[in-house]
């Protein structure tokens, strides 16, 4: 499909844009990253596809995070068909789990060098990240969850959210002790292993889906 022939063919200054390796000529006024991304998403949806990856000036961008660059010279986007949405959800959940794990790893030292009050704020900012990959996984089709792990995503999500609630309560107890060493230990021994296990589980699902795609295995209908 030739994306360059869609819409008003006026390029946006010096910004070079491609979608699935095809050049895109943008409508007038689409010069910000948000405006360009919105237009690319519209083109993708018109072709029964969704935006899966975006690289800005050669660097991959996490689609779940805002762009922090002031100037953009080149945007390259990749789409996937709707039937590959489960794989995209797994990739997104994996990135969210990795980002949460990296934040916890950074916090292990950060909570030690701050006051107890500041350390509590660090933890409370982290706590909200724990549920993000779980909520993303809850969007997966139920039949895929049964195929990969033998239970529904509804039951898996309930169990995972219960685990998060338990983790949060136990780390909150460490915060109440006013002992930053105890808080750091709780992050290292409770939160970090849980995130690592979740990330590994997501990677196993991804590998299974990639393998099935290579072998031409169709996922059974629910």
N, C-alpha and C. Protein backbone atom coordinates (compact mmCIF):
# COMPACT_ATOMS: atom_id res chain seq x y z
N UNK A 1 0.85 -1.20 0.00
CA UNK A 1 0.00 0.00 0.00
C UNK A 1 0.88 1.24 0.00
N UNK A 2 0.58 2.21 -0.86
CA UNK A 2 1.39 3.42 -0.96
C UNK A 2 0.83 4.48 -0.03
N UNK A 3 1.46 4.65 1.13
CA UNK A 3 1.00 5.64 2.09
C UNK A 3 1.24 7.06 1.59
N UNK A 4 2.22 7.25 0.70
CA UNK A 4 2.53 8.59 0.22
C UNK A 4 1.43 9.16 -0.65
N UNK A 5 0.47 8.35 -1.09
CA UNK A 5 -0.60 8.81 -1.96
C UNK A 5 -1.88 9.10 -1.18
N UNK A 6 -1.80 9.03 0.15
CA UNK A 6 -2.98 9.24 0.97
C UNK A 6 -2.94 10.63 1.58
N UNK A 7 -4.09 11.31 1.57
CA UNK A 7 -4.19 12.60 2.25
C UNK A 7 -3.54 13.72 1.45
N UNK A 8 -3.32 14.85 2.12
CA UNK A 8 -2.72 16.02 1.50
C UNK A 8 -1.22 15.80 1.42
N UNK A 9 -0.67 15.85 0.25
CA UNK A 9 0.74 15.51 0.07
C UNK A 9 1.65 16.71 0.23
N UNK A 10 1.74 17.19 1.45
CA UNK A 10 2.65 18.30 1.75
C UNK A 10 3.61 17.86 2.84
N UNK A 11 4.90 17.75 2.55
CA UNK A 11 5.84 17.26 3.55
C UNK A 11 5.97 18.22 4.72
N UNK A 12 6.30 17.70 5.90
CA UNK A 12 6.42 18.52 7.10
C UNK A 12 7.87 18.97 7.27
N UNK A 13 8.22 20.08 6.64
CA UNK A 13 9.56 20.64 6.78
C UNK A 13 10.63 19.65 6.39
N UNK A 14 11.60 19.45 7.29
CA UNK A 14 12.70 18.55 7.00
C UNK A 14 12.52 17.18 7.65
N UNK A 15 11.36 16.92 8.21
CA UNK A 15 11.12 15.63 8.86
C UNK A 15 10.84 14.57 7.80
N UNK A 16 11.62 13.49 7.84
CA UNK A 16 11.41 12.37 6.94
C UNK A 16 10.60 11.30 7.67
N UNK A 17 9.53 10.83 7.05
CA UNK A 17 8.63 9.87 7.70
C UNK A 17 8.41 8.66 6.79
N UNK A 18 8.52 7.47 7.36
CA UNK A 18 8.19 6.25 6.62
C UNK A 18 7.25 5.40 7.46
N UNK A 19 6.40 4.65 6.78
CA UNK A 19 5.49 3.71 7.43
C UNK A 19 5.61 2.39 6.69
N UNK A 20 6.07 1.35 7.38
CA UNK A 20 6.35 0.05 6.76
C UNK A 20 7.28 0.21 5.56
N UNK A 21 8.32 1.03 5.76
CA UNK A 21 9.39 1.29 4.78
C UNK A 21 8.93 2.11 3.58
N UNK A 22 7.70 2.60 3.59
CA UNK A 22 7.21 3.45 2.51
C UNK A 22 7.19 4.91 2.96
N UNK A 23 7.62 5.85 2.09
CA UNK A 23 7.61 7.26 2.49
C UNK A 23 6.19 7.77 2.65
N UNK A 24 6.01 8.63 3.64
CA UNK A 24 4.70 9.22 3.91
C UNK A 24 4.80 10.73 3.76
N UNK A 25 3.93 11.29 2.95
CA UNK A 25 3.83 12.74 2.83
C UNK A 25 2.69 13.20 3.71
N UNK A 26 2.99 14.12 4.59
CA UNK A 26 2.05 14.48 5.65
C UNK A 26 1.15 15.64 5.28
N UNK A 27 -0.05 15.70 5.86
CA UNK A 27 -0.92 16.85 5.66
C UNK A 27 -0.29 18.12 6.23
N UNK A 28 -0.73 19.25 5.73
CA UNK A 28 -0.21 20.53 6.22
C UNK A 28 -0.43 20.66 7.72
N UNK A 29 0.57 21.19 8.42
CA UNK A 29 0.46 21.44 9.85
C UNK A 29 0.88 20.29 10.73
N UNK A 30 1.14 19.12 10.15
CA UNK A 30 1.55 17.97 10.97
C UNK A 30 3.07 18.03 11.18
N UNK A 31 3.49 18.83 12.13
CA UNK A 31 4.93 19.02 12.33
C UNK A 31 5.40 18.53 13.71
N UNK A 32 4.48 18.34 14.66
CA UNK A 32 4.88 17.82 15.97
C UNK A 32 4.86 16.30 15.94
N UNK A 33 5.59 15.70 16.89
CA UNK A 33 5.62 14.24 16.93
C UNK A 33 4.22 13.68 17.19
N UNK A 34 3.47 14.31 18.10
CA UNK A 34 2.12 13.83 18.42
C UNK A 34 1.22 13.87 17.19
N UNK A 35 1.33 14.94 16.41
CA UNK A 35 0.50 15.07 15.21
C UNK A 35 0.87 14.02 14.18
N UNK A 36 2.18 13.79 14.01
CA UNK A 36 2.63 12.80 13.03
C UNK A 36 2.24 11.40 13.47
N UNK A 37 2.42 11.09 14.74
CA UNK A 37 2.04 9.76 15.23
C UNK A 37 0.55 9.52 15.04
N UNK A 38 -0.27 10.52 15.35
CA UNK A 38 -1.71 10.39 15.18
C UNK A 38 -2.06 10.09 13.72
N UNK A 39 -1.39 10.76 12.80
CA UNK A 39 -1.66 10.54 11.38
C UNK A 39 -1.24 9.13 10.96
N UNK A 40 -0.08 8.68 11.45
CA UNK A 40 0.39 7.33 11.11
C UNK A 40 -0.56 6.28 11.66
N UNK A 41 -1.06 6.49 12.87
CA UNK A 41 -2.01 5.55 13.45
C UNK A 41 -3.29 5.49 12.63
N UNK A 42 -3.73 6.65 12.10
CA UNK A 42 -4.92 6.68 11.27
C UNK A 42 -4.71 5.91 9.97
N UNK A 43 -3.54 6.08 9.36
CA UNK A 43 -3.23 5.34 8.13
C UNK A 43 -3.22 3.84 8.40
N UNK A 44 -2.64 3.47 9.52
CA UNK A 44 -2.56 2.04 9.86
C UNK A 44 -3.96 1.45 10.06
N UNK A 45 -4.79 2.14 10.82
CA UNK A 45 -6.14 1.64 11.08
C UNK A 45 -6.96 1.53 9.80
N UNK A 46 -6.73 2.45 8.87
CA UNK A 46 -7.46 2.39 7.59
C UNK A 46 -7.11 1.15 6.80
N UNK A 47 -5.96 0.56 7.10
CA UNK A 47 -5.52 -0.66 6.42
C UNK A 47 -5.69 -1.90 7.31
N UNK A 48 -6.51 -1.77 8.35
CA UNK A 48 -6.75 -2.88 9.28
C UNK A 48 -5.46 -3.34 9.95
N UNK A 49 -4.63 -2.37 10.32
CA UNK A 49 -3.37 -2.64 10.99
C UNK A 49 -3.23 -1.70 12.18
N UNK A 50 -2.26 -1.95 13.04
CA UNK A 50 -2.02 -1.08 14.19
C UNK A 50 -0.53 -0.76 14.26
N UNK A 51 -0.23 0.40 14.83
CA UNK A 51 1.15 0.82 14.98
C UNK A 51 1.84 -0.05 16.02
N UNK A 52 2.97 -0.65 15.65
CA UNK A 52 3.68 -1.56 16.55
C UNK A 52 5.01 -0.98 17.02
N UNK A 53 5.73 -0.29 16.14
CA UNK A 53 7.04 0.24 16.48
C UNK A 53 7.23 1.61 15.86
N UNK A 54 7.95 2.46 16.57
CA UNK A 54 8.36 3.77 16.03
C UNK A 54 9.81 4.01 16.41
N UNK A 55 10.61 4.40 15.44
CA UNK A 55 11.98 4.83 15.71
C UNK A 55 12.09 6.31 15.38
N UNK A 56 12.70 7.06 16.28
CA UNK A 56 12.88 8.50 16.09
C UNK A 56 14.37 8.78 15.95
N UNK A 57 14.76 9.27 14.79
CA UNK A 57 16.18 9.54 14.50
C UNK A 57 17.04 8.30 14.73
N UNK A 58 16.47 7.13 14.39
CA UNK A 58 17.20 5.88 14.48
C UNK A 58 17.13 5.18 15.82
N UNK A 59 16.45 5.78 16.81
CA UNK A 59 16.36 5.19 18.13
C UNK A 59 14.94 4.68 18.38
N UNK A 60 14.76 3.41 18.75
CA UNK A 60 13.42 2.88 19.04
C UNK A 60 12.77 3.64 20.18
N UNK A 61 11.49 3.90 20.04
CA UNK A 61 10.74 4.65 21.05
C UNK A 61 9.71 3.74 21.69
N UNK A 62 9.63 3.75 23.01
CA UNK A 62 8.60 3.02 23.72
C UNK A 62 7.28 3.74 23.49
N UNK A 63 6.34 3.06 22.82
CA UNK A 63 5.08 3.70 22.46
C UNK A 63 4.23 4.08 23.67
N UNK A 64 4.53 3.48 24.82
CA UNK A 64 3.75 3.80 26.01
C UNK A 64 4.28 5.02 26.76
N UNK A 65 5.40 5.59 26.29
CA UNK A 65 6.00 6.73 26.96
C UNK A 65 5.97 7.96 26.04
N UNK A 66 5.90 9.15 26.62
CA UNK A 66 5.93 10.37 25.80
C UNK A 66 7.32 10.61 25.23
N UNK A 67 7.39 11.30 24.11
CA UNK A 67 8.67 11.63 23.50
C UNK A 67 9.29 12.82 24.23
N UNK A 68 10.57 12.70 24.60
CA UNK A 68 11.23 13.80 25.33
C UNK A 68 12.23 14.55 24.46
N UNK A 69 12.17 14.35 23.14
CA UNK A 69 13.08 15.06 22.24
C UNK A 69 12.46 16.39 21.82
N UNK A 70 13.30 17.41 21.72
CA UNK A 70 12.81 18.73 21.27
C UNK A 70 12.73 18.80 19.76
N UNK A 71 13.68 18.17 19.06
CA UNK A 71 13.68 18.22 17.59
C UNK A 71 13.72 16.81 17.04
N UNK A 72 13.04 16.62 15.91
CA UNK A 72 12.95 15.31 15.26
C UNK A 72 13.28 15.50 13.78
N UNK A 73 14.15 14.66 13.27
CA UNK A 73 14.51 14.74 11.86
C UNK A 73 13.92 13.58 11.05
N UNK A 74 13.76 12.41 11.68
CA UNK A 74 13.28 11.25 10.95
C UNK A 74 12.43 10.37 11.85
N UNK A 75 11.32 9.90 11.32
CA UNK A 75 10.42 8.98 12.03
C UNK A 75 10.15 7.78 11.14
N UNK A 76 10.43 6.59 11.66
CA UNK A 76 10.16 5.35 10.93
C UNK A 76 9.21 4.50 11.77
N UNK A 77 8.10 4.12 11.19
CA UNK A 77 7.08 3.37 11.91
C UNK A 77 6.81 2.04 11.22
N UNK A 78 6.43 1.06 12.05
CA UNK A 78 6.10 -0.28 11.54
C UNK A 78 4.74 -0.67 12.09
N UNK A 79 3.92 -1.28 11.25
CA UNK A 79 2.59 -1.72 11.68
C UNK A 79 2.51 -3.25 11.65
N UNK A 80 1.50 -3.77 12.32
CA UNK A 80 1.22 -5.21 12.27
C UNK A 80 -0.28 -5.37 11.99
N UNK A 81 -0.66 -6.48 11.34
CA UNK A 81 -2.09 -6.73 11.12
C UNK A 81 -2.81 -7.01 12.42
N UNK A 82 -4.12 -6.83 12.41
CA UNK A 82 -4.90 -6.98 13.63
C UNK A 82 -4.77 -8.37 14.25
N UNK A 83 -4.58 -9.40 13.40
CA UNK A 83 -4.48 -10.75 13.97
C UNK A 83 -3.18 -10.98 14.74
N UNK A 84 -2.26 -10.02 14.69
CA UNK A 84 -1.03 -10.14 15.46
C UNK A 84 -1.05 -9.26 16.72
N UNK A 85 -2.23 -8.74 17.05
CA UNK A 85 -2.35 -7.89 18.24
C UNK A 85 -1.92 -8.61 19.53
N UNK A 86 -2.25 -9.90 19.70
CA UNK A 86 -1.79 -10.57 20.93
C UNK A 86 -0.27 -10.50 21.11
N UNK A 87 0.47 -10.66 20.02
CA UNK A 87 1.92 -10.57 20.11
C UNK A 87 2.35 -9.15 20.50
N UNK A 88 1.68 -8.17 19.94
CA UNK A 88 2.00 -6.78 20.28
C UNK A 88 1.71 -6.50 21.75
N UNK A 89 0.62 -7.07 22.27
CA UNK A 89 0.31 -6.89 23.69
C UNK A 89 1.39 -7.52 24.57
N UNK A 90 1.88 -8.70 24.16
CA UNK A 90 2.95 -9.35 24.92
C UNK A 90 4.23 -8.52 24.91
N UNK A 91 4.54 -7.95 23.75
CA UNK A 91 5.73 -7.11 23.64
C UNK A 91 5.59 -5.89 24.55
N UNK A 92 4.41 -5.26 24.53
CA UNK A 92 4.16 -4.09 25.37
C UNK A 92 4.26 -4.45 26.85
N UNK A 93 3.64 -5.57 27.25
CA UNK A 93 3.69 -5.99 28.65
C UNK A 93 5.11 -6.30 29.06
N UNK A 94 5.88 -6.91 28.16
CA UNK A 94 7.28 -7.21 28.46
C UNK A 94 8.09 -5.95 28.70
N UNK A 95 7.85 -4.94 27.88
CA UNK A 95 8.56 -3.66 28.06
C UNK A 95 8.17 -3.00 29.38
N UNK A 96 6.88 -3.08 29.72
CA UNK A 96 6.43 -2.48 30.98
C UNK A 96 7.05 -3.20 32.18
N UNK A 97 7.14 -4.53 32.10
CA UNK A 97 7.75 -5.29 33.19
C UNK A 97 9.23 -4.96 33.30
N UNK A 98 9.91 -4.85 32.16
CA UNK A 98 11.34 -4.51 32.17
C UNK A 98 11.57 -3.11 32.73
N UNK A 99 10.69 -2.18 32.34
CA UNK A 99 10.85 -0.80 32.83
C UNK A 99 10.62 -0.74 34.34
N UNK A 100 9.63 -1.48 34.84
CA UNK A 100 9.39 -1.51 36.28
C UNK A 100 10.57 -2.15 37.01
N UNK A 101 11.12 -3.22 36.44
CA UNK A 101 12.28 -3.88 37.06
C UNK A 101 13.47 -2.93 37.13
N UNK A 102 13.73 -2.20 36.05
CA UNK A 102 14.85 -1.25 36.03
C UNK A 102 14.63 -0.15 37.08
N UNK A 103 13.39 0.29 37.24
CA UNK A 103 13.09 1.32 38.23
C UNK A 103 13.35 0.81 39.65
N UNK A 104 12.97 -0.45 39.90
CA UNK A 104 13.20 -1.04 41.22
C UNK A 104 14.70 -1.19 41.47
N UNK A 105 15.43 -1.65 40.46
CA UNK A 105 16.88 -1.81 40.62
C UNK A 105 17.54 -0.47 40.97
N UNK A 106 17.10 0.60 40.30
CA UNK A 106 17.65 1.92 40.59
C UNK A 106 17.26 2.39 41.99
N UNK A 107 16.08 1.97 42.45
CA UNK A 107 15.58 2.42 43.75
C UNK A 107 16.29 1.74 44.91
N UNK A 108 16.92 0.59 44.68
CA UNK A 108 17.57 -0.13 45.76
C UNK A 108 18.59 0.74 46.49
N UNK A 109 19.34 1.50 45.70
CA UNK A 109 20.33 2.41 46.29
C UNK A 109 19.70 3.75 46.65
N UNK A 110 18.77 4.19 45.81
CA UNK A 110 18.16 5.51 46.01
C UNK A 110 17.49 5.63 47.37
N UNK A 111 16.80 4.56 47.79
CA UNK A 111 16.11 4.66 49.08
C UNK A 111 17.09 4.69 50.25
N UNK A 112 18.30 4.18 50.04
CA UNK A 112 19.29 4.15 51.12
C UNK A 112 19.93 5.51 51.37
N UNK A 113 19.98 6.34 50.34
CA UNK A 113 20.69 7.62 50.47
C UNK A 113 19.74 8.79 50.71
N UNK A 114 18.47 8.47 50.97
CA UNK A 114 17.50 9.52 51.22
C UNK A 114 16.88 9.37 52.61
N UNK A 115 16.15 10.37 53.02
CA UNK A 115 15.44 10.30 54.29
C UNK A 115 14.31 9.27 54.19
N UNK A 116 13.83 8.76 55.31
CA UNK A 116 12.71 7.81 55.26
C UNK A 116 11.49 8.37 54.52
N UNK A 117 11.22 9.65 54.70
CA UNK A 117 10.06 10.25 54.03
C UNK A 117 10.26 10.24 52.51
N UNK A 118 11.46 10.60 52.07
CA UNK A 118 11.74 10.60 50.64
C UNK A 118 11.77 9.18 50.09
N UNK A 119 12.30 8.24 50.88
CA UNK A 119 12.34 6.84 50.45
C UNK A 119 10.94 6.30 50.24
N UNK A 120 10.01 6.69 51.11
CA UNK A 120 8.62 6.25 50.95
C UNK A 120 8.04 6.78 49.64
N UNK A 121 8.36 8.03 49.29
CA UNK A 121 7.85 8.60 48.04
C UNK A 121 8.41 7.84 46.83
N UNK A 122 9.68 7.46 46.92
CA UNK A 122 10.28 6.68 45.84
C UNK A 122 9.51 5.38 45.64
N UNK A 123 9.21 4.70 46.75
CA UNK A 123 8.47 3.44 46.66
C UNK A 123 7.06 3.66 46.13
N UNK A 124 6.36 4.65 46.62
CA UNK A 124 4.99 4.88 46.17
C UNK A 124 4.93 5.21 44.69
N UNK A 125 5.95 5.88 44.18
CA UNK A 125 6.00 6.14 42.73
C UNK A 125 6.21 4.84 41.95
N UNK A 126 6.95 3.91 42.55
CA UNK A 126 7.20 2.63 41.89
C UNK A 126 5.97 1.72 41.91
N UNK A 127 5.22 1.78 43.00
CA UNK A 127 4.12 0.84 43.20
C UNK A 127 3.12 0.86 42.05
N UNK A 128 2.87 2.03 41.48
CA UNK A 128 1.91 2.12 40.39
C UNK A 128 2.36 1.41 39.13
N UNK A 129 3.68 1.22 38.97
CA UNK A 129 4.19 0.57 37.76
C UNK A 129 3.98 -0.95 37.79
N UNK A 130 3.78 -1.51 38.97
CA UNK A 130 3.70 -2.97 39.08
C UNK A 130 2.49 -3.54 38.34
N UNK A 131 1.37 -2.79 38.35
CA UNK A 131 0.16 -3.32 37.75
C UNK A 131 0.09 -3.13 36.24
N UNK A 132 0.94 -2.27 35.67
CA UNK A 132 0.83 -1.95 34.25
C UNK A 132 0.94 -3.17 33.34
N UNK A 133 1.98 -4.04 33.48
CA UNK A 133 2.04 -5.20 32.60
C UNK A 133 0.90 -6.17 32.82
N UNK A 134 0.41 -6.28 34.04
CA UNK A 134 -0.71 -7.19 34.32
C UNK A 134 -1.97 -6.71 33.62
N UNK A 135 -2.25 -5.42 33.67
CA UNK A 135 -3.42 -4.88 33.00
C UNK A 135 -3.31 -5.02 31.49
N UNK A 136 -2.10 -4.87 30.95
CA UNK A 136 -1.90 -5.07 29.51
C UNK A 136 -2.17 -6.52 29.14
N UNK A 137 -1.69 -7.45 29.93
CA UNK A 137 -1.92 -8.87 29.67
C UNK A 137 -3.41 -9.22 29.75
N UNK A 138 -4.16 -8.48 30.53
CA UNK A 138 -5.59 -8.78 30.67
C UNK A 138 -6.35 -8.54 29.37
N UNK A 139 -5.73 -7.83 28.41
CA UNK A 139 -6.36 -7.59 27.11
C UNK A 139 -6.16 -8.74 26.14
N UNK A 140 -5.35 -9.73 26.52
CA UNK A 140 -5.09 -10.87 25.66
C UNK A 140 -6.35 -11.72 25.51
N UNK A 141 -6.55 -12.33 24.32
CA UNK A 141 -7.71 -13.23 24.13
C UNK A 141 -7.65 -14.40 25.11
N UNK A 142 -8.80 -14.77 25.65
CA UNK A 142 -8.85 -15.84 26.64
C UNK A 142 -8.33 -17.16 26.09
N UNK A 143 -8.62 -17.46 24.80
CA UNK A 143 -8.20 -18.75 24.26
C UNK A 143 -6.68 -18.88 24.19
N UNK A 144 -5.98 -17.76 23.99
CA UNK A 144 -4.52 -17.82 23.95
C UNK A 144 -3.95 -18.11 25.33
N UNK A 145 -4.58 -17.55 26.37
CA UNK A 145 -4.10 -17.83 27.71
C UNK A 145 -4.32 -19.30 28.06
N UNK A 146 -5.47 -19.85 27.70
CA UNK A 146 -5.72 -21.27 27.97
C UNK A 146 -4.70 -22.13 27.24
N UNK A 147 -4.35 -21.72 26.02
CA UNK A 147 -3.40 -22.50 25.22
C UNK A 147 -2.01 -22.48 25.83
N UNK A 148 -1.58 -21.33 26.37
CA UNK A 148 -0.21 -21.19 26.85
C UNK A 148 -0.03 -21.63 28.30
N UNK A 149 -1.02 -21.37 29.15
CA UNK A 149 -0.79 -21.67 30.57
C UNK A 149 -1.92 -22.44 31.23
N UNK A 150 -2.95 -22.79 30.47
CA UNK A 150 -3.98 -23.67 30.99
C UNK A 150 -5.07 -23.02 31.81
N UNK A 151 -5.00 -21.69 32.02
CA UNK A 151 -6.04 -21.00 32.77
C UNK A 151 -6.44 -19.75 32.00
N UNK A 152 -7.56 -19.15 32.38
CA UNK A 152 -8.01 -17.95 31.69
C UNK A 152 -7.21 -16.74 32.17
N UNK A 153 -7.15 -15.71 31.33
CA UNK A 153 -6.46 -14.49 31.73
C UNK A 153 -7.19 -13.80 32.88
N UNK A 154 -8.51 -14.01 32.95
CA UNK A 154 -9.25 -13.42 34.06
C UNK A 154 -8.74 -13.99 35.39
N UNK A 155 -8.59 -15.32 35.47
CA UNK A 155 -8.08 -15.92 36.70
C UNK A 155 -6.63 -15.54 36.93
N UNK A 156 -5.84 -15.50 35.84
CA UNK A 156 -4.43 -15.14 35.98
C UNK A 156 -4.29 -13.70 36.46
N UNK A 157 -5.11 -12.80 35.89
CA UNK A 157 -5.04 -11.40 36.30
C UNK A 157 -5.43 -11.24 37.76
N UNK A 158 -6.50 -11.93 38.17
CA UNK A 158 -6.92 -11.85 39.57
C UNK A 158 -5.80 -12.30 40.49
N UNK A 159 -5.14 -13.42 40.15
CA UNK A 159 -4.06 -13.94 40.98
C UNK A 159 -2.90 -12.95 41.02
N UNK A 160 -2.54 -12.40 39.85
CA UNK A 160 -1.41 -11.48 39.81
C UNK A 160 -1.70 -10.20 40.58
N UNK A 161 -2.91 -9.67 40.45
CA UNK A 161 -3.26 -8.46 41.18
C UNK A 161 -3.28 -8.72 42.69
N UNK A 162 -3.72 -9.90 43.09
CA UNK A 162 -3.66 -10.27 44.51
C UNK A 162 -2.21 -10.30 44.99
N UNK A 163 -1.32 -10.84 44.14
CA UNK A 163 0.10 -10.89 44.50
C UNK A 163 0.67 -9.49 44.64
N UNK A 164 0.27 -8.58 43.74
CA UNK A 164 0.73 -7.19 43.82
C UNK A 164 0.26 -6.56 45.12
N UNK A 165 -1.01 -6.79 45.48
CA UNK A 165 -1.54 -6.21 46.72
C UNK A 165 -0.76 -6.70 47.93
N UNK A 166 -0.40 -7.98 47.93
CA UNK A 166 0.38 -8.54 49.03
C UNK A 166 1.76 -7.89 49.08
N UNK A 167 2.41 -7.76 47.90
CA UNK A 167 3.72 -7.14 47.83
C UNK A 167 3.68 -5.71 48.35
N UNK A 168 2.69 -4.95 47.89
CA UNK A 168 2.59 -3.55 48.30
C UNK A 168 2.41 -3.43 49.81
N UNK A 169 1.55 -4.28 50.37
CA UNK A 169 1.34 -4.22 51.82
C UNK A 169 2.63 -4.51 52.58
N UNK A 170 3.38 -5.52 52.12
CA UNK A 170 4.60 -5.89 52.83
C UNK A 170 5.67 -4.81 52.70
N UNK A 171 5.75 -4.18 51.53
CA UNK A 171 6.73 -3.09 51.38
C UNK A 171 6.28 -1.87 52.16
N UNK A 172 4.97 -1.62 52.22
CA UNK A 172 4.46 -0.52 53.03
C UNK A 172 4.83 -0.72 54.50
N UNK A 173 4.78 -1.96 54.97
CA UNK A 173 5.17 -2.26 56.34
C UNK A 173 6.64 -1.90 56.58
N UNK A 174 7.47 -2.17 55.55
CA UNK A 174 8.89 -1.80 55.67
C UNK A 174 9.03 -0.29 55.73
N UNK A 175 8.21 0.43 54.98
CA UNK A 175 8.24 1.90 55.01
C UNK A 175 7.88 2.43 56.40
N UNK A 176 6.88 1.81 57.01
CA UNK A 176 6.42 2.28 58.31
C UNK A 176 7.46 2.08 59.40
N UNK A 177 8.41 1.18 59.16
CA UNK A 177 9.45 0.93 60.16
C UNK A 177 10.46 2.08 60.25
N UNK A 178 10.43 2.98 59.23
CA UNK A 178 11.37 4.10 59.17
C UNK A 178 12.81 3.62 58.98
N UNK A 179 12.97 2.37 58.57
CA UNK A 179 14.30 1.78 58.36
C UNK A 179 14.51 1.62 56.86
N UNK A 180 15.35 2.48 56.26
CA UNK A 180 15.54 2.44 54.82
C UNK A 180 16.23 1.16 54.35
N UNK A 181 17.04 0.56 55.21
CA UNK A 181 17.67 -0.70 54.85
C UNK A 181 16.61 -1.80 54.69
N UNK A 182 15.65 -1.80 55.59
CA UNK A 182 14.56 -2.78 55.50
C UNK A 182 13.73 -2.56 54.24
N UNK A 183 13.53 -1.29 53.88
CA UNK A 183 12.79 -1.00 52.65
C UNK A 183 13.56 -1.48 51.43
N UNK A 184 14.86 -1.20 51.38
CA UNK A 184 15.67 -1.66 50.26
C UNK A 184 15.67 -3.18 50.17
N UNK A 185 15.75 -3.86 51.30
CA UNK A 185 15.71 -5.32 51.31
C UNK A 185 14.38 -5.84 50.78
N UNK A 186 13.29 -5.17 51.15
CA UNK A 186 11.97 -5.60 50.68
C UNK A 186 11.87 -5.46 49.17
N UNK A 187 12.40 -4.38 48.62
CA UNK A 187 12.39 -4.20 47.18
C UNK A 187 13.22 -5.28 46.49
N UNK A 188 14.37 -5.59 47.07
CA UNK A 188 15.28 -6.55 46.44
C UNK A 188 14.77 -7.98 46.57
N UNK A 189 14.19 -8.33 47.70
CA UNK A 189 13.84 -9.73 47.96
C UNK A 189 12.39 -10.07 47.63
N UNK A 190 11.54 -9.05 47.51
CA UNK A 190 10.13 -9.31 47.23
C UNK A 190 9.71 -8.81 45.85
N UNK A 191 9.90 -7.52 45.60
CA UNK A 191 9.40 -6.92 44.37
C UNK A 191 10.22 -7.33 43.15
N UNK A 192 11.53 -7.25 43.28
CA UNK A 192 12.39 -7.56 42.13
C UNK A 192 12.22 -9.00 41.64
N UNK A 193 12.22 -10.02 42.52
CA UNK A 193 12.02 -11.39 42.02
C UNK A 193 10.66 -11.57 41.34
N UNK A 194 9.62 -10.89 41.86
CA UNK A 194 8.29 -11.02 41.24
C UNK A 194 8.29 -10.45 39.82
N UNK A 195 8.92 -9.30 39.64
CA UNK A 195 9.00 -8.70 38.32
C UNK A 195 9.84 -9.54 37.37
N UNK A 196 10.94 -10.10 37.88
CA UNK A 196 11.78 -10.96 37.05
C UNK A 196 11.01 -12.20 36.60
N UNK A 197 10.23 -12.78 37.49
CA UNK A 197 9.43 -13.96 37.14
C UNK A 197 8.36 -13.60 36.11
N UNK A 198 7.71 -12.45 36.31
CA UNK A 198 6.69 -12.00 35.36
C UNK A 198 7.31 -11.77 33.98
N UNK A 199 8.46 -11.10 33.94
CA UNK A 199 9.13 -10.85 32.67
C UNK A 199 9.51 -12.14 31.97
N UNK A 200 9.98 -13.13 32.71
CA UNK A 200 10.35 -14.41 32.11
C UNK A 200 9.13 -15.13 31.57
N UNK A 201 8.03 -15.06 32.29
CA UNK A 201 6.79 -15.68 31.82
C UNK A 201 6.32 -15.04 30.52
N UNK A 202 6.40 -13.72 30.43
CA UNK A 202 5.99 -13.03 29.21
C UNK A 202 6.90 -13.41 28.05
N UNK A 203 8.21 -13.51 28.30
CA UNK A 203 9.14 -13.91 27.24
C UNK A 203 8.85 -15.32 26.74
N UNK A 204 8.47 -16.21 27.63
CA UNK A 204 8.13 -17.58 27.22
C UNK A 204 6.90 -17.58 26.32
N UNK A 205 5.90 -16.75 26.65
CA UNK A 205 4.72 -16.63 25.79
C UNK A 205 5.10 -16.07 24.42
N UNK A 206 5.97 -15.07 24.43
CA UNK A 206 6.41 -14.50 23.15
C UNK A 206 7.10 -15.55 22.29
N UNK A 207 8.02 -16.31 22.89
CA UNK A 207 8.75 -17.33 22.13
C UNK A 207 7.80 -18.38 21.58
N UNK A 208 6.79 -18.75 22.37
CA UNK A 208 5.82 -19.74 21.91
C UNK A 208 5.03 -19.22 20.72
N UNK A 209 4.64 -17.95 20.78
CA UNK A 209 3.87 -17.37 19.68
C UNK A 209 4.73 -17.21 18.44
N UNK A 210 6.00 -16.77 18.61
CA UNK A 210 6.90 -16.66 17.47
C UNK A 210 7.12 -18.02 16.82
N UNK A 211 7.31 -19.05 17.66
CA UNK A 211 7.52 -20.39 17.12
C UNK A 211 6.30 -20.88 16.37
N UNK A 212 5.13 -20.62 16.93
CA UNK A 212 3.90 -21.02 16.25
C UNK A 212 3.73 -20.32 14.92
N UNK A 213 4.09 -19.03 14.87
CA UNK A 213 3.97 -18.27 13.63
C UNK A 213 4.91 -18.83 12.56
N UNK A 214 6.15 -19.20 12.98
CA UNK A 214 7.12 -19.74 12.01
C UNK A 214 6.65 -21.09 11.47
N UNK A 215 5.97 -21.87 12.30
CA UNK A 215 5.51 -23.19 11.88
C UNK A 215 4.14 -23.13 11.21
N UNK A 216 3.55 -21.94 11.18
CA UNK A 216 2.24 -21.80 10.55
C UNK A 216 1.12 -22.36 11.39
N UNK A 217 1.31 -22.44 12.72
CA UNK A 217 0.29 -22.99 13.60
C UNK A 217 -0.75 -21.92 13.88
N UNK A 218 -2.00 -22.23 13.65
CA UNK A 218 -3.07 -21.28 13.89
C UNK A 218 -3.59 -21.45 15.32
N UNK A 219 -3.83 -20.35 15.98
CA UNK A 219 -4.38 -20.40 17.32
C UNK A 219 -5.85 -20.81 17.26
N UNK A 220 -6.27 -21.81 18.05
CA UNK A 220 -7.65 -22.24 17.99
C UNK A 220 -8.60 -21.15 18.45
N UNK A 221 -9.79 -21.16 17.89
CA UNK A 221 -10.80 -20.17 18.26
C UNK A 221 -11.33 -20.49 19.64
N UNK A 222 -11.80 -19.48 20.35
CA UNK A 222 -12.34 -19.72 21.70
C UNK A 222 -13.60 -20.55 21.65
